[in-house]
């Protein structure tokens, strides 16, 4: 049974997760907004090779820090999407939701810092 909370409570869980970041990492996230949506769009699912029947908990869009250069010119802004209903659907308690939000936030931040799925899996954020 999904554990559901209000948008405000969900955002508070996201803020809690961000507050646990070491200062040297947090300063690189000042210009990376986090947007909470109920579910991903079909295009977002397609962008990562998933179908509408598969769960996507979060998504980082943009250019990872290690991939940037002064020669890039104009680029789209970075953004992290969190999909509240999908995250809630795999949780059955407040504590589990808190842990899953934190894990998903850290996973997407990891992509911003250039980590791939294997790297994140090794760190426990896969």
PDB file of N, CA and C in Angstrom:
ATOM      1  N   UNK A   1       0.844  -1.172   0.000  1.00  0.00           N
ATOM      2  CA  UNK A   1       0.000   0.000   0.000  1.00  0.00           C
ATOM      3  C   UNK A   1       0.893   1.240   0.000  1.00  0.00           C
ATOM      4  N   UNK A   2       0.752   2.112  -0.974  1.00  0.00           N
ATOM      5  CA  UNK A   2       1.585   3.317  -1.024  1.00  0.00           C
ATOM      6  C   UNK A   2       1.398   4.186   0.214  1.00  0.00           C
ATOM      7  N   UNK A   3       2.488   4.757   0.660  1.00  0.00           N
ATOM      8  CA  UNK A   3       2.439   5.682   1.783  1.00  0.00           C
ATOM      9  C   UNK A   3       2.411   7.094   1.205  1.00  0.00           C
ATOM     10  N   UNK A   4       1.262   7.766   1.312  1.00  0.00           N
ATOM     11  CA  UNK A   4       1.057   9.078   0.699  1.00  0.00           C
ATOM     12  C   UNK A   4       1.203  10.202   1.721  1.00  0.00           C
ATOM     13  N   UNK A   5       1.770  11.319   1.265  1.00  0.00           N
ATOM     14  CA  UNK A   5       1.874  12.530   2.080  1.00  0.00           C
ATOM     15  C   UNK A   5       1.506  13.726   1.206  1.00  0.00           C
ATOM     16  N   UNK A   6       1.323  14.856   1.828  1.00  0.00           N
ATOM     17  CA  UNK A   6       1.008  16.073   1.081  1.00  0.00           C
ATOM     18  C   UNK A   6       2.254  16.548   0.324  1.00  0.00           C
ATOM     19  N   UNK A   7       2.043  17.432  -0.640  1.00  0.00           N
ATOM     20  CA  UNK A   7       3.164  18.029  -1.385  1.00  0.00           C
ATOM     21  C   UNK A   7       4.122  18.737  -0.421  1.00  0.00           C
ATOM     22  N   UNK A   8       3.554  19.436   0.548  1.00  0.00           N
ATOM     23  CA  UNK A   8       4.378  20.172   1.513  1.00  0.00           C
ATOM     24  C   UNK A   8       5.230  19.214   2.328  1.00  0.00           C
ATOM     25  N   UNK A   9       4.645  18.128   2.812  1.00  0.00           N
ATOM     26  CA  UNK A   9       5.408  17.152   3.594  1.00  0.00           C
ATOM     27  C   UNK A   9       6.488  16.494   2.746  1.00  0.00           C
ATOM     28  N   UNK A  10       6.168  16.227   1.485  1.00  0.00           N
ATOM     29  CA  UNK A  10       7.152  15.622   0.590  1.00  0.00           C
ATOM     30  C   UNK A  10       8.321  16.592   0.373  1.00  0.00           C
ATOM     31  N   UNK A  11       8.009  17.863   0.134  1.00  0.00           N
ATOM     32  CA  UNK A  11       9.049  18.868  -0.058  1.00  0.00           C
ATOM     33  C   UNK A  11       9.912  19.003   1.190  1.00  0.00           C
ATOM     34  N   UNK A  12       9.300  18.879   2.349  1.00  0.00           N
ATOM     35  CA  UNK A  12      10.078  18.930   3.591  1.00  0.00           C
ATOM     36  C   UNK A  12      11.056  17.761   3.692  1.00  0.00           C
ATOM     37  N   UNK A  13      10.661  16.590   3.210  1.00  0.00           N
ATOM     38  CA  UNK A  13      11.573  15.442   3.180  1.00  0.00           C
ATOM     39  C   UNK A  13      12.743  15.711   2.231  1.00  0.00           C
ATOM     40  N   UNK A  14      12.462  16.356   1.113  1.00  0.00           N
ATOM     41  CA  UNK A  14      13.515  16.717   0.161  1.00  0.00           C
ATOM     42  C   UNK A  14      14.475  17.710   0.820  1.00  0.00           C
ATOM     43  N   UNK A  15      13.933  18.709   1.482  1.00  0.00           N
ATOM     44  CA  UNK A  15      14.778  19.704   2.166  1.00  0.00           C
ATOM     45  C   UNK A  15      15.647  19.045   3.226  1.00  0.00           C
ATOM     46  N   UNK A  16      15.083  18.110   3.975  1.00  0.00           N
ATOM     47  CA  UNK A  16      15.863  17.380   4.984  1.00  0.00           C
ATOM     48  C   UNK A  16      17.028  16.652   4.337  1.00  0.00           C
ATOM     49  N   UNK A  17      16.772  16.005   3.216  1.00  0.00           N
ATOM     50  CA  UNK A  17      17.833  15.282   2.509  1.00  0.00           C
ATOM     51  C   UNK A  17      18.927  16.237   2.054  1.00  0.00           C
ATOM     52  N   UNK A  18      18.546  17.391   1.542  1.00  0.00           N
ATOM     53  CA  UNK A  18      19.526  18.369   1.073  1.00  0.00           C
ATOM     54  C   UNK A  18      20.351  18.942   2.223  1.00  0.00           C
ATOM     55  N   UNK A  19      19.737  19.070   3.381  1.00  0.00           N
ATOM     56  CA  UNK A  19      20.448  19.614   4.545  1.00  0.00           C
ATOM     57  C   UNK A  19      21.537  18.686   5.053  1.00  0.00           C
ATOM     58  N   UNK A  20      21.491  17.417   4.680  1.00  0.00           N
ATOM     59  CA  UNK A  20      22.509  16.460   5.126  1.00  0.00           C
ATOM     60  C   UNK A  20      23.749  16.475   4.236  1.00  0.00           C
ATOM     61  N   UNK A  21      23.688  17.210   3.126  1.00  0.00           N
ATOM     62  CA  UNK A  21      24.828  17.247   2.213  1.00  0.00           C
ATOM     63  C   UNK A  21      25.990  18.027   2.816  1.00  0.00           C
ATOM     64  N   UNK A  22      27.194  17.529   2.613  1.00  0.00           N
ATOM     65  CA  UNK A  22      28.357  18.319   3.043  1.00  0.00           C
ATOM     66  C   UNK A  22      28.390  19.654   2.291  1.00  0.00           C
ATOM     67  N   UNK A  23      28.862  20.680   2.963  1.00  0.00           N
ATOM     68  CA  UNK A  23      28.871  22.034   2.413  1.00  0.00           C
ATOM     69  C   UNK A  23      29.564  22.111   1.054  1.00  0.00           C
ATOM     70  N   UNK A  24      30.678  21.377   0.886  1.00  0.00           N
ATOM     71  CA  UNK A  24      31.429  21.448  -0.368  1.00  0.00           C
ATOM     72  C   UNK A  24      30.641  20.900  -1.559  1.00  0.00           C
ATOM     73  N   UNK A  25      29.652  20.051  -1.313  1.00  0.00           N
ATOM     74  CA  UNK A  25      28.790  19.573  -2.392  1.00  0.00           C
ATOM     75  C   UNK A  25      27.590  20.490  -2.581  1.00  0.00           C
ATOM     76  N   UNK A  26      27.029  20.927  -1.478  1.00  0.00           N
ATOM     77  CA  UNK A  26      25.819  21.751  -1.521  1.00  0.00           C
ATOM     78  C   UNK A  26      26.026  23.029  -2.322  1.00  0.00           C
ATOM     79  N   UNK A  27      27.215  23.608  -2.258  1.00  0.00           N
ATOM     80  CA  UNK A  27      27.447  24.867  -2.966  1.00  0.00           C
ATOM     81  C   UNK A  27      27.360  24.703  -4.480  1.00  0.00           C
ATOM     82  N   UNK A  28      27.545  23.488  -4.992  1.00  0.00           N
ATOM     83  CA  UNK A  28      27.443  23.246  -6.429  1.00  0.00           C
ATOM     84  C   UNK A  28      26.005  23.017  -6.880  1.00  0.00           C
ATOM     85  N   UNK A  29      25.072  23.059  -5.946  1.00  0.00           N
ATOM     86  CA  UNK A  29      23.665  22.801  -6.260  1.00  0.00           C
ATOM     87  C   UNK A  29      22.803  24.051  -6.214  1.00  0.00           C
ATOM     88  N   UNK A  30      23.423  25.194  -5.971  1.00  0.00           N
ATOM     89  CA  UNK A  30      22.667  26.440  -5.864  1.00  0.00           C
ATOM     90  C   UNK A  30      21.819  26.730  -7.095  1.00  0.00           C
ATOM     91  N   UNK A  31      22.302  26.338  -8.251  1.00  0.00           N
ATOM     92  CA  UNK A  31      21.586  26.645  -9.489  1.00  0.00           C
ATOM     93  C   UNK A  31      20.956  25.408 -10.117  1.00  0.00           C
ATOM     94  N   UNK A  32      20.681  24.394  -9.283  1.00  0.00           N
ATOM     95  CA  UNK A  32      20.029  23.172  -9.762  1.00  0.00           C
ATOM     96  C   UNK A  32      18.694  23.043  -9.040  1.00  0.00           C
ATOM     97  N   UNK A  33      17.634  23.554  -9.654  1.00  0.00           N
ATOM     98  CA  UNK A  33      16.331  23.455  -8.988  1.00  0.00           C
ATOM     99  C   UNK A  33      15.836  22.011  -8.938  1.00  0.00           C
ATOM    100  N   UNK A  34      15.066  21.740  -7.912  1.00  0.00           N
ATOM    101  CA  UNK A  34      14.407  20.432  -7.784  1.00  0.00           C
ATOM    102  C   UNK A  34      12.924  20.662  -7.963  1.00  0.00           C
ATOM    103  N   UNK A  35      12.370  19.957  -8.931  1.00  0.00           N
ATOM    104  CA  UNK A  35      10.944  20.069  -9.221  1.00  0.00           C
ATOM    105  C   UNK A  35      10.263  18.757  -8.861  1.00  0.00           C
ATOM    106  N   UNK A  36       9.193  18.872  -8.110  1.00  0.00           N
ATOM    107  CA  UNK A  36       8.438  17.680  -7.722  1.00  0.00           C
ATOM    108  C   UNK A  36       7.217  17.571  -8.621  1.00  0.00           C
ATOM    109  N   UNK A  37       7.093  16.415  -9.232  1.00  0.00           N
ATOM    110  CA  UNK A  37       5.926  16.116 -10.068  1.00  0.00           C
ATOM    111  C   UNK A  37       5.316  14.813  -9.563  1.00  0.00           C
ATOM    112  N   UNK A  38       4.059  14.603  -9.900  1.00  0.00           N
ATOM    113  CA  UNK A  38       3.426  13.343  -9.492  1.00  0.00           C
ATOM    114  C   UNK A  38       4.080  12.157 -10.171  1.00  0.00           C
ATOM    115  N   UNK A  39       4.209  12.247 -11.486  1.00  0.00           N
ATOM    116  CA  UNK A  39       4.769  11.158 -12.300  1.00  0.00           C
ATOM    117  C   UNK A  39       5.537  11.760 -13.470  1.00  0.00           C
ATOM    118  N   UNK A  40       6.432  10.962 -14.063  1.00  0.00           N
ATOM    119  CA  UNK A  40       7.155  11.463 -15.236  1.00  0.00           C
ATOM    120  C   UNK A  40       6.263  11.496 -16.471  1.00  0.00           C
ATOM    121  N   UNK A  41       6.639  12.331 -17.418  1.00  0.00           N
ATOM    122  CA  UNK A  41       5.958  12.358 -18.708  1.00  0.00           C
ATOM    123  C   UNK A  41       6.450  11.185 -19.546  1.00  0.00           C
ATOM    124  N   UNK A  42       5.742  10.902 -20.622  1.00  0.00           N
ATOM    125  CA  UNK A  42       6.196   9.834 -21.522  1.00  0.00           C
ATOM    126  C   UNK A  42       7.557  10.168 -22.114  1.00  0.00           C
ATOM    127  N   UNK A  43       7.768  11.430 -22.415  1.00  0.00           N
ATOM    128  CA  UNK A  43       9.046  11.847 -22.982  1.00  0.00           C
ATOM    129  C   UNK A  43      10.189  11.646 -21.974  1.00  0.00           C
ATOM    130  N   UNK A  44       9.929  11.937 -20.714  1.00  0.00           N
ATOM    131  CA  UNK A  44      10.957  11.717 -19.691  1.00  0.00           C
ATOM    132  C   UNK A  44      11.281  10.229 -19.567  1.00  0.00           C
ATOM    133  N   UNK A  45      10.255   9.394 -19.588  1.00  0.00           N
ATOM    134  CA  UNK A  45      10.488   7.950 -19.539  1.00  0.00           C
ATOM    135  C   UNK A  45      11.295   7.499 -20.748  1.00  0.00           C
ATOM    136  N   UNK A  46      10.903   7.973 -21.897  1.00  0.00           N
ATOM    137  CA  UNK A  46      11.580   7.602 -23.141  1.00  0.00           C
ATOM    138  C   UNK A  46      13.048   8.042 -23.125  1.00  0.00           C
ATOM    139  N   UNK A  47      13.318   9.200 -22.529  1.00  0.00           N
ATOM    140  CA  UNK A  47      14.685   9.724 -22.508  1.00  0.00           C
ATOM    141  C   UNK A  47      15.657   8.812 -21.757  1.00  0.00           C
ATOM    142  N   UNK A  48      15.132   7.984 -20.870  1.00  0.00           N
ATOM    143  CA  UNK A  48      15.989   7.054 -20.130  1.00  0.00           C
ATOM    144  C   UNK A  48      15.706   5.596 -20.499  1.00  0.00           C
ATOM    145  N   UNK A  49      14.961   5.398 -21.571  1.00  0.00           N
ATOM    146  CA  UNK A  49      14.719   4.052 -22.081  1.00  0.00           C
ATOM    147  C   UNK A  49      13.711   3.232 -21.303  1.00  0.00           C
ATOM    148  N   UNK A  50      12.758   3.890 -20.643  1.00  0.00           N
ATOM    149  CA  UNK A  50      11.728   3.176 -19.889  1.00  0.00           C
ATOM    150  C   UNK A  50      10.383   3.286 -20.596  1.00  0.00           C
ATOM    151  N   UNK A  51       9.489   2.366 -20.261  1.00  0.00           N
ATOM    152  CA  UNK A  51       8.132   2.402 -20.795  1.00  0.00           C
ATOM    153  C   UNK A  51       7.200   2.969 -19.734  1.00  0.00           C
ATOM    154  N   UNK A  52       5.962   3.224 -20.122  1.00  0.00           N
ATOM    155  CA  UNK A  52       4.990   3.795 -19.179  1.00  0.00           C
ATOM    156  C   UNK A  52       4.672   2.853 -18.022  1.00  0.00           C
ATOM    157  N   UNK A  53       5.002   1.575 -18.154  1.00  0.00           N
ATOM    158  CA  UNK A  53       4.738   0.600 -17.099  1.00  0.00           C
ATOM    159  C   UNK A  53       5.894   0.462 -16.112  1.00  0.00           C
ATOM    160  N   UNK A  54       6.995   1.178 -16.363  1.00  0.00           N
ATOM    161  CA  UNK A  54       8.153   1.101 -15.482  1.00  0.00           C
ATOM    162  C   UNK A  54       8.225   2.343 -14.596  1.00  0.00           C
ATOM    163  N   UNK A  55       8.772   2.168 -13.398  1.00  0.00           N
ATOM    164  CA  UNK A  55       8.839   3.264 -12.433  1.00  0.00           C
ATOM    165  C   UNK A  55      10.128   4.066 -12.586  1.00  0.00           C
ATOM    166  N   UNK A  56       9.970   5.366 -12.676  1.00  0.00           N
ATOM    167  CA  UNK A  56      11.090   6.301 -12.633  1.00  0.00           C
ATOM    168  C   UNK A  56      10.866   7.149 -11.388  1.00  0.00           C
ATOM    169  N   UNK A  57      11.828   7.126 -10.477  1.00  0.00           N
ATOM    170  CA  UNK A  57      11.674   7.844  -9.216  1.00  0.00           C
ATOM    171  C   UNK A  57      12.191   9.276  -9.302  1.00  0.00           C
ATOM    172  N   UNK A  58      13.241   9.468 -10.081  1.00  0.00           N
ATOM    173  CA  UNK A  58      13.837  10.785 -10.227  1.00  0.00           C
ATOM    174  C   UNK A  58      14.563  10.882 -11.544  1.00  0.00           C
ATOM    175  N   UNK A  59      14.895  12.111 -11.933  1.00  0.00           N
ATOM    176  CA  UNK A  59      15.569  12.332 -13.213  1.00  0.00           C
ATOM    177  C   UNK A  59      16.411  13.598 -13.121  1.00  0.00           C
ATOM    178  N   UNK A  60      17.665  13.482 -13.529  1.00  0.00           N
ATOM    179  CA  UNK A  60      18.536  14.649 -13.641  1.00  0.00           C
ATOM    180  C   UNK A  60      18.621  15.014 -15.115  1.00  0.00           C
ATOM    181  N   UNK A  61      18.379  16.267 -15.427  1.00  0.00           N
ATOM    182  CA  UNK A  61      18.559  16.746 -16.794  1.00  0.00           C
ATOM    183  C   UNK A  61      19.570  17.878 -16.762  1.00  0.00           C
ATOM    184  N   UNK A  62      20.406  17.919 -17.756  1.00  0.00           N
ATOM    185  CA  UNK A  62      21.434  18.945 -17.825  1.00  0.00           C
ATOM    186  C   UNK A  62      22.760  18.338 -18.222  1.00  0.00           C
ATOM    187  N   UNK A  63      23.805  19.071 -17.953  1.00  0.00           N
ATOM    188  CA  UNK A  63      25.155  18.617 -18.261  1.00  0.00           C
ATOM    189  C   UNK A  63      25.906  18.427 -16.950  1.00  0.00           C
ATOM    190  N   UNK A  64      26.359  17.208 -16.723  1.00  0.00           N
ATOM    191  CA  UNK A  64      27.088  16.902 -15.493  1.00  0.00           C
ATOM    192  C   UNK A  64      28.330  17.789 -15.387  1.00  0.00           C
ATOM    193  N   UNK A  65      28.698  18.140 -14.181  1.00  0.00           N
ATOM    194  CA  UNK A  65      29.828  19.044 -13.954  1.00  0.00           C
ATOM    195  C   UNK A  65      31.110  18.607 -14.668  1.00  0.00           C
ATOM    196  N   UNK A  66      31.505  17.318 -14.626  1.00  0.00           N
ATOM    197  CA  UNK A  66      32.753  16.935 -15.297  1.00  0.00           C
ATOM    198  C   UNK A  66      32.696  17.034 -16.829  1.00  0.00           C
ATOM    199  N   UNK A  67      31.503  17.097 -17.386  1.00  0.00           N
ATOM    200  CA  UNK A  67      31.350  17.143 -18.845  1.00  0.00           C
ATOM    201  C   UNK A  67      31.301  18.556 -19.396  1.00  0.00           C
ATOM    202  N   UNK A  68      31.417  19.551 -18.554  1.00  0.00           N
ATOM    203  CA  UNK A  68      31.298  20.940 -18.983  1.00  0.00           C
ATOM    204  C   UNK A  68      32.654  21.491 -19.411  1.00  0.00           C
ATOM    205  N   UNK A  69      32.573  22.431 -20.342  1.00  0.00           N
ATOM    206  CA  UNK A  69      33.779  23.147 -20.749  1.00  0.00           C
ATOM    207  C   UNK A  69      33.388  24.546 -21.199  1.00  0.00           C
ATOM    208  N   UNK A  70      34.367  25.425 -21.267  1.00  0.00           N
ATOM    209  CA  UNK A  70      34.099  26.792 -21.706  1.00  0.00           C
ATOM    210  C   UNK A  70      33.744  26.839 -23.183  1.00  0.00           C
ATOM    211  N   UNK A  71      34.055  25.790 -23.915  1.00  0.00           N
ATOM    212  CA  UNK A  71      33.767  25.727 -25.345  1.00  0.00           C
ATOM    213  C   UNK A  71      32.338  25.307 -25.643  1.00  0.00           C
ATOM    214  N   UNK A  72      31.571  24.934 -24.630  1.00  0.00           N
ATOM    215  CA  UNK A  72      30.213  24.424 -24.831  1.00  0.00           C
ATOM    216  C   UNK A  72      29.244  25.487 -25.325  1.00  0.00           C
ATOM    217  N   UNK A  73      29.449  26.710 -24.924  1.00  0.00           N
ATOM    218  CA  UNK A  73      28.495  27.750 -25.292  1.00  0.00           C
ATOM    219  C   UNK A  73      27.223  27.623 -24.474  1.00  0.00           C
ATOM    220  N   UNK A  74      26.101  27.929 -25.097  1.00  0.00           N
ATOM    221  CA  UNK A  74      24.820  27.906 -24.411  1.00  0.00           C
ATOM    222  C   UNK A  74      24.385  26.460 -24.168  1.00  0.00           C
ATOM    223  N   UNK A  75      23.887  26.209 -22.971  1.00  0.00           N
ATOM    224  CA  UNK A  75      23.378  24.872 -22.637  1.00  0.00           C
ATOM    225  C   UNK A  75      22.085  25.027 -21.859  1.00  0.00           C
ATOM    226  N   UNK A  76      21.293  23.993 -21.884  1.00  0.00           N
ATOM    227  CA  UNK A  76      20.058  24.002 -21.119  1.00  0.00           C
ATOM    228  C   UNK A  76      20.377  23.973 -19.630  1.00  0.00           C
ATOM    229  N   UNK A  77      19.542  24.598 -18.818  1.00  0.00           N
ATOM    230  CA  UNK A  77      19.807  24.590 -17.372  1.00  0.00           C
ATOM    231  C   UNK A  77      19.632  23.193 -16.777  1.00  0.00           C
ATOM    232  N   UNK A  78      20.352  22.956 -15.694  1.00  0.00           N
ATOM    233  CA  UNK A  78      20.237  21.695 -14.963  1.00  0.00           C
ATOM    234  C   UNK A  78      18.947  21.699 -14.161  1.00  0.00           C
ATOM    235  N   UNK A  79      18.407  20.504 -13.961  1.00  0.00           N
ATOM    236  CA  UNK A  79      17.208  20.375 -13.138  1.00  0.00           C
ATOM    237  C   UNK A  79      17.124  18.933 -12.642  1.00  0.00           C
ATOM    238  N   UNK A  80      16.607  18.799 -11.436  1.00  0.00           N
ATOM    239  CA  UNK A  80      16.328  17.482 -10.886  1.00  0.00           C
ATOM    240  C   UNK A  80      14.820  17.376 -10.711  1.00  0.00           C
ATOM    241  N   UNK A  81      14.259  16.297 -11.231  1.00  0.00           N
ATOM    242  CA  UNK A  81      12.835  16.005 -11.075  1.00  0.00           C
ATOM    243  C   UNK A  81      12.706  14.847 -10.091  1.00  0.00           C
ATOM    244  N   UNK A  82      11.771  14.974  -9.165  1.00  0.00           N
ATOM    245  CA  UNK A  82      11.400  13.880  -8.276  1.00  0.00           C
ATOM    246  C   UNK A  82       9.942  13.566  -8.524  1.00  0.00           C
ATOM    247  N   UNK A  83       9.628  12.281  -8.636  1.00  0.00           N
ATOM    248  CA  UNK A  83       8.276  11.858  -8.980  1.00  0.00           C
ATOM    249  C   UNK A  83       7.605  11.268  -7.734  1.00  0.00           C
ATOM    250  N   UNK A  84       6.845  12.132  -7.072  1.00  0.00           N
ATOM    251  CA  UNK A  84       6.290  11.841  -5.758  1.00  0.00           C
ATOM    252  C   UNK A  84       5.453  10.570  -5.738  1.00  0.00           C
ATOM    253  N   UNK A  85       4.509  10.425  -6.646  1.00  0.00           N
ATOM    254  CA  UNK A  85       3.631   9.245  -6.596  1.00  0.00           C
ATOM    255  C   UNK A  85       4.408   7.953  -6.809  1.00  0.00           C
ATOM    256  N   UNK A  86       5.424   8.004  -7.678  1.00  0.00           N
ATOM    257  CA  UNK A  86       6.226   6.803  -7.911  1.00  0.00           C
ATOM    258  C   UNK A  86       7.043   6.444  -6.670  1.00  0.00           C
ATOM    259  N   UNK A  87       7.617   7.440  -6.023  1.00  0.00           N
ATOM    260  CA  UNK A  87       8.384   7.172  -4.806  1.00  0.00           C
ATOM    261  C   UNK A  87       7.459   6.648  -3.718  1.00  0.00           C
ATOM    262  N   UNK A  88       6.314   7.290  -3.541  1.00  0.00           N
ATOM    263  CA  UNK A  88       5.359   6.833  -2.525  1.00  0.00           C
ATOM    264  C   UNK A  88       4.875   5.413  -2.793  1.00  0.00           C
ATOM    265  N   UNK A  89       4.768   5.052  -4.063  1.00  0.00           N
ATOM    266  CA  UNK A  89       4.213   3.736  -4.412  1.00  0.00           C
ATOM    267  C   UNK A  89       5.091   2.574  -3.960  1.00  0.00           C
ATOM    268  N   UNK A  90       6.359   2.831  -3.673  1.00  0.00           N
ATOM    269  CA  UNK A  90       7.239   1.743  -3.222  1.00  0.00           C
ATOM    270  C   UNK A  90       7.511   1.813  -1.717  1.00  0.00           C
ATOM    271  N   UNK A  91       6.784   2.682  -1.035  1.00  0.00           N
ATOM    272  CA  UNK A  91       6.974   2.862   0.412  1.00  0.00           C
ATOM    273  C   UNK A  91       5.690   2.526   1.164  1.00  0.00           C
ATOM    274  N   UNK A  92       5.864   1.951   2.353  1.00  0.00           N
ATOM    275  CA  UNK A  92       4.671   1.657   3.153  1.00  0.00           C
ATOM    276  C   UNK A  92       4.757   2.206   4.569  1.00  0.00           C
ATOM    277  N   UNK A  93       5.677   3.142   4.785  1.00  0.00           N
ATOM    278  CA  UNK A  93       5.767   3.798   6.098  1.00  0.00           C
ATOM    279  C   UNK A  93       6.440   5.158   5.939  1.00  0.00           C
ATOM    280  N   UNK A  94       6.276   5.985   6.947  1.00  0.00           N
ATOM    281  CA  UNK A  94       6.896   7.316   6.931  1.00  0.00           C
ATOM    282  C   UNK A  94       8.417   7.199   6.879  1.00  0.00           C
ATOM    283  N   UNK A  95       8.977   6.273   7.641  1.00  0.00           N
ATOM    284  CA  UNK A  95      10.432   6.111   7.671  1.00  0.00           C
ATOM    285  C   UNK A  95      10.966   5.616   6.325  1.00  0.00           C
ATOM    286  N   UNK A  96      10.258   4.681   5.725  1.00  0.00           N
ATOM    287  CA  UNK A  96      10.687   4.177   4.422  1.00  0.00           C
ATOM    288  C   UNK A  96      10.615   5.287   3.365  1.00  0.00           C
ATOM    289  N   UNK A  97       9.577   6.110   3.428  1.00  0.00           N
ATOM    290  CA  UNK A  97       9.458   7.223   2.485  1.00  0.00           C
ATOM    291  C   UNK A  97      10.611   8.207   2.678  1.00  0.00           C
ATOM    292  N   UNK A  98      10.915   8.521   3.912  1.00  0.00           N
ATOM    293  CA  UNK A  98      12.019   9.437   4.202  1.00  0.00           C
ATOM    294  C   UNK A  98      13.330   8.903   3.619  1.00  0.00           C
ATOM    295  N   UNK A  99      13.587   7.615   3.809  1.00  0.00           N
ATOM    296  CA  UNK A  99      14.811   7.000   3.299  1.00  0.00           C
ATOM    297  C   UNK A  99      14.836   6.991   1.775  1.00  0.00           C
ATOM    298  N   UNK A 100      13.697   6.690   1.163  1.00  0.00           N
ATOM    299  CA  UNK A 100      13.646   6.616  -0.304  1.00  0.00           C
ATOM    300  C   UNK A 100      13.796   7.996  -0.939  1.00  0.00           C
ATOM    301  N   UNK A 101      13.203   9.008  -0.324  1.00  0.00           N
ATOM    302  CA  UNK A 101      13.372  10.375  -0.831  1.00  0.00           C
ATOM    303  C   UNK A 101      14.852  10.746  -0.759  1.00  0.00           C
ATOM    304  N   UNK A 102      15.482  10.486   0.364  1.00  0.00           N
ATOM    305  CA  UNK A 102      16.904  10.809   0.525  1.00  0.00           C
ATOM    306  C   UNK A 102      17.745  10.080  -0.516  1.00  0.00           C
ATOM    307  N   UNK A 103      17.495   8.801  -0.674  1.00  0.00           N
ATOM    308  CA  UNK A 103      18.253   7.998  -1.633  1.00  0.00           C
ATOM    309  C   UNK A 103      18.069   8.533  -3.051  1.00  0.00           C
ATOM    310  N   UNK A 104      16.846   8.883  -3.413  1.00  0.00           N
ATOM    311  CA  UNK A 104      16.567   9.382  -4.761  1.00  0.00           C
ATOM    312  C   UNK A 104      17.205  10.748  -4.977  1.00  0.00           C
ATOM    313  N   UNK A 105      17.124  11.618  -3.992  1.00  0.00           N
ATOM    314  CA  UNK A 105      17.764  12.935  -4.093  1.00  0.00           C
ATOM    315  C   UNK A 105      19.270  12.761  -4.296  1.00  0.00           C
ATOM    316  N   UNK A 106      19.897  11.933  -3.481  1.00  0.00           N
ATOM    317  CA  UNK A 106      21.338  11.723  -3.593  1.00  0.00           C
ATOM    318  C   UNK A 106      21.711  11.061  -4.920  1.00  0.00           C
ATOM    319  N   UNK A 107      20.866  10.173  -5.400  1.00  0.00           N
ATOM    320  CA  UNK A 107      21.089   9.524  -6.693  1.00  0.00           C
ATOM    321  C   UNK A 107      21.142  10.574  -7.811  1.00  0.00           C
ATOM    322  N   UNK A 108      20.145  11.440  -7.842  1.00  0.00           N
ATOM    323  CA  UNK A 108      20.092  12.452  -8.917  1.00  0.00           C
ATOM    324  C   UNK A 108      21.205  13.483  -8.774  1.00  0.00           C
ATOM    325  N   UNK A 109      21.558  13.845  -7.558  1.00  0.00           N
ATOM    326  CA  UNK A 109      22.691  14.741  -7.344  1.00  0.00           C
ATOM    327  C   UNK A 109      23.977  14.071  -7.825  1.00  0.00           C
ATOM    328  N   UNK A 110      24.068  12.776  -7.614  1.00  0.00           N
ATOM    329  CA  UNK A 110      25.234  12.026  -8.101  1.00  0.00           C
ATOM    330  C   UNK A 110      25.398  12.174  -9.605  1.00  0.00           C
ATOM    331  N   UNK A 111      24.293  12.132 -10.344  1.00  0.00           N
ATOM    332  CA  UNK A 111      24.375  12.337 -11.796  1.00  0.00           C
ATOM    333  C   UNK A 111      24.902  13.735 -12.116  1.00  0.00           C
ATOM    334  N   UNK A 112      24.491  14.731 -11.346  1.00  0.00           N
ATOM    335  CA  UNK A 112      24.978  16.101 -11.540  1.00  0.00           C
ATOM    336  C   UNK A 112      26.500  16.156 -11.390  1.00  0.00           C
ATOM    337  N   UNK A 113      27.040  15.329 -10.504  1.00  0.00           N
ATOM    338  CA  UNK A 113      28.480  15.296 -10.282  1.00  0.00           C
ATOM    339  C   UNK A 113      29.193  14.309 -11.209  1.00  0.00           C
ATOM    340  N   UNK A 114      28.445  13.720 -12.144  1.00  0.00           N
ATOM    341  CA  UNK A 114      29.068  12.873 -13.163  1.00  0.00           C
ATOM    342  C   UNK A 114      29.094  11.392 -12.862  1.00  0.00           C
ATOM    343  N   UNK A 115      28.423  10.951 -11.808  1.00  0.00           N
ATOM    344  CA  UNK A 115      28.398   9.522 -11.496  1.00  0.00           C
ATOM    345  C   UNK A 115      27.393   8.809 -12.389  1.00  0.00           C
ATOM    346  N   UNK A 116      27.738   7.596 -12.824  1.00  0.00           N
ATOM    347  CA  UNK A 116      26.798   6.813 -13.623  1.00  0.00           C
ATOM    348  C   UNK A 116      26.085   5.807 -12.725  1.00  0.00           C
ATOM    349  N   UNK A 117      25.206   5.017 -13.317  1.00  0.00           N
ATOM    350  CA  UNK A 117      24.393   4.078 -12.534  1.00  0.00           C
ATOM    351  C   UNK A 117      25.247   3.075 -11.762  1.00  0.00           C
ATOM    352  N   UNK A 118      26.330   2.593 -12.367  1.00  0.00           N
ATOM    353  CA  UNK A 118      27.210   1.639 -11.665  1.00  0.00           C
ATOM    354  C   UNK A 118      27.870   2.295 -10.454  1.00  0.00           C
ATOM    355  N   UNK A 119      28.351   3.532 -10.628  1.00  0.00           N
ATOM    356  CA  UNK A 119      28.966   4.261  -9.510  1.00  0.00           C
ATOM    357  C   UNK A 119      27.964   4.420  -8.371  1.00  0.00           C
ATOM    358  N   UNK A 120      26.752   4.815  -8.715  1.00  0.00           N
ATOM    359  CA  UNK A 120      25.715   5.051  -7.703  1.00  0.00           C
ATOM    360  C   UNK A 120      25.311   3.760  -6.999  1.00  0.00           C
ATOM    361  N   UNK A 121      25.271   2.675  -7.739  1.00  0.00           N
ATOM    362  CA  UNK A 121      24.959   1.365  -7.157  1.00  0.00           C
ATOM    363  C   UNK A 121      26.009   0.980  -6.117  1.00  0.00           C
ATOM    364  N   UNK A 122      27.285   1.189  -6.439  1.00  0.00           N
ATOM    365  CA  UNK A 122      28.372   0.872  -5.510  1.00  0.00           C
ATOM    366  C   UNK A 122      28.289   1.712  -4.241  1.00  0.00           C
ATOM    367  N   UNK A 123      27.795   2.936  -4.355  1.00  0.00           N
ATOM    368  CA  UNK A 123      27.662   3.827  -3.199  1.00  0.00           C
ATOM    369  C   UNK A 123      26.385   3.572  -2.402  1.00  0.00           C
ATOM    370  N   UNK A 124      25.513   2.691  -2.912  1.00  0.00           N
ATOM    371  CA  UNK A 124      24.275   2.371  -2.217  1.00  0.00           C
ATOM    372  C   UNK A 124      23.109   3.270  -2.601  1.00  0.00           C
ATOM    373  N   UNK A 125      23.254   4.007  -3.710  1.00  0.00           N
ATOM    374  CA  UNK A 125      22.198   4.908  -4.163  1.00  0.00           C
ATOM    375  C   UNK A 125      21.623   4.487  -5.504  1.00  0.00           C
ATOM    376  N   UNK A 126      21.763   3.208  -5.838  1.00  0.00           N
ATOM    377  CA  UNK A 126      21.305   2.702  -7.128  1.00  0.00           C
ATOM    378  C   UNK A 126      19.834   2.508  -7.213  1.00  0.00           C
TER     379      UNK A 126
END
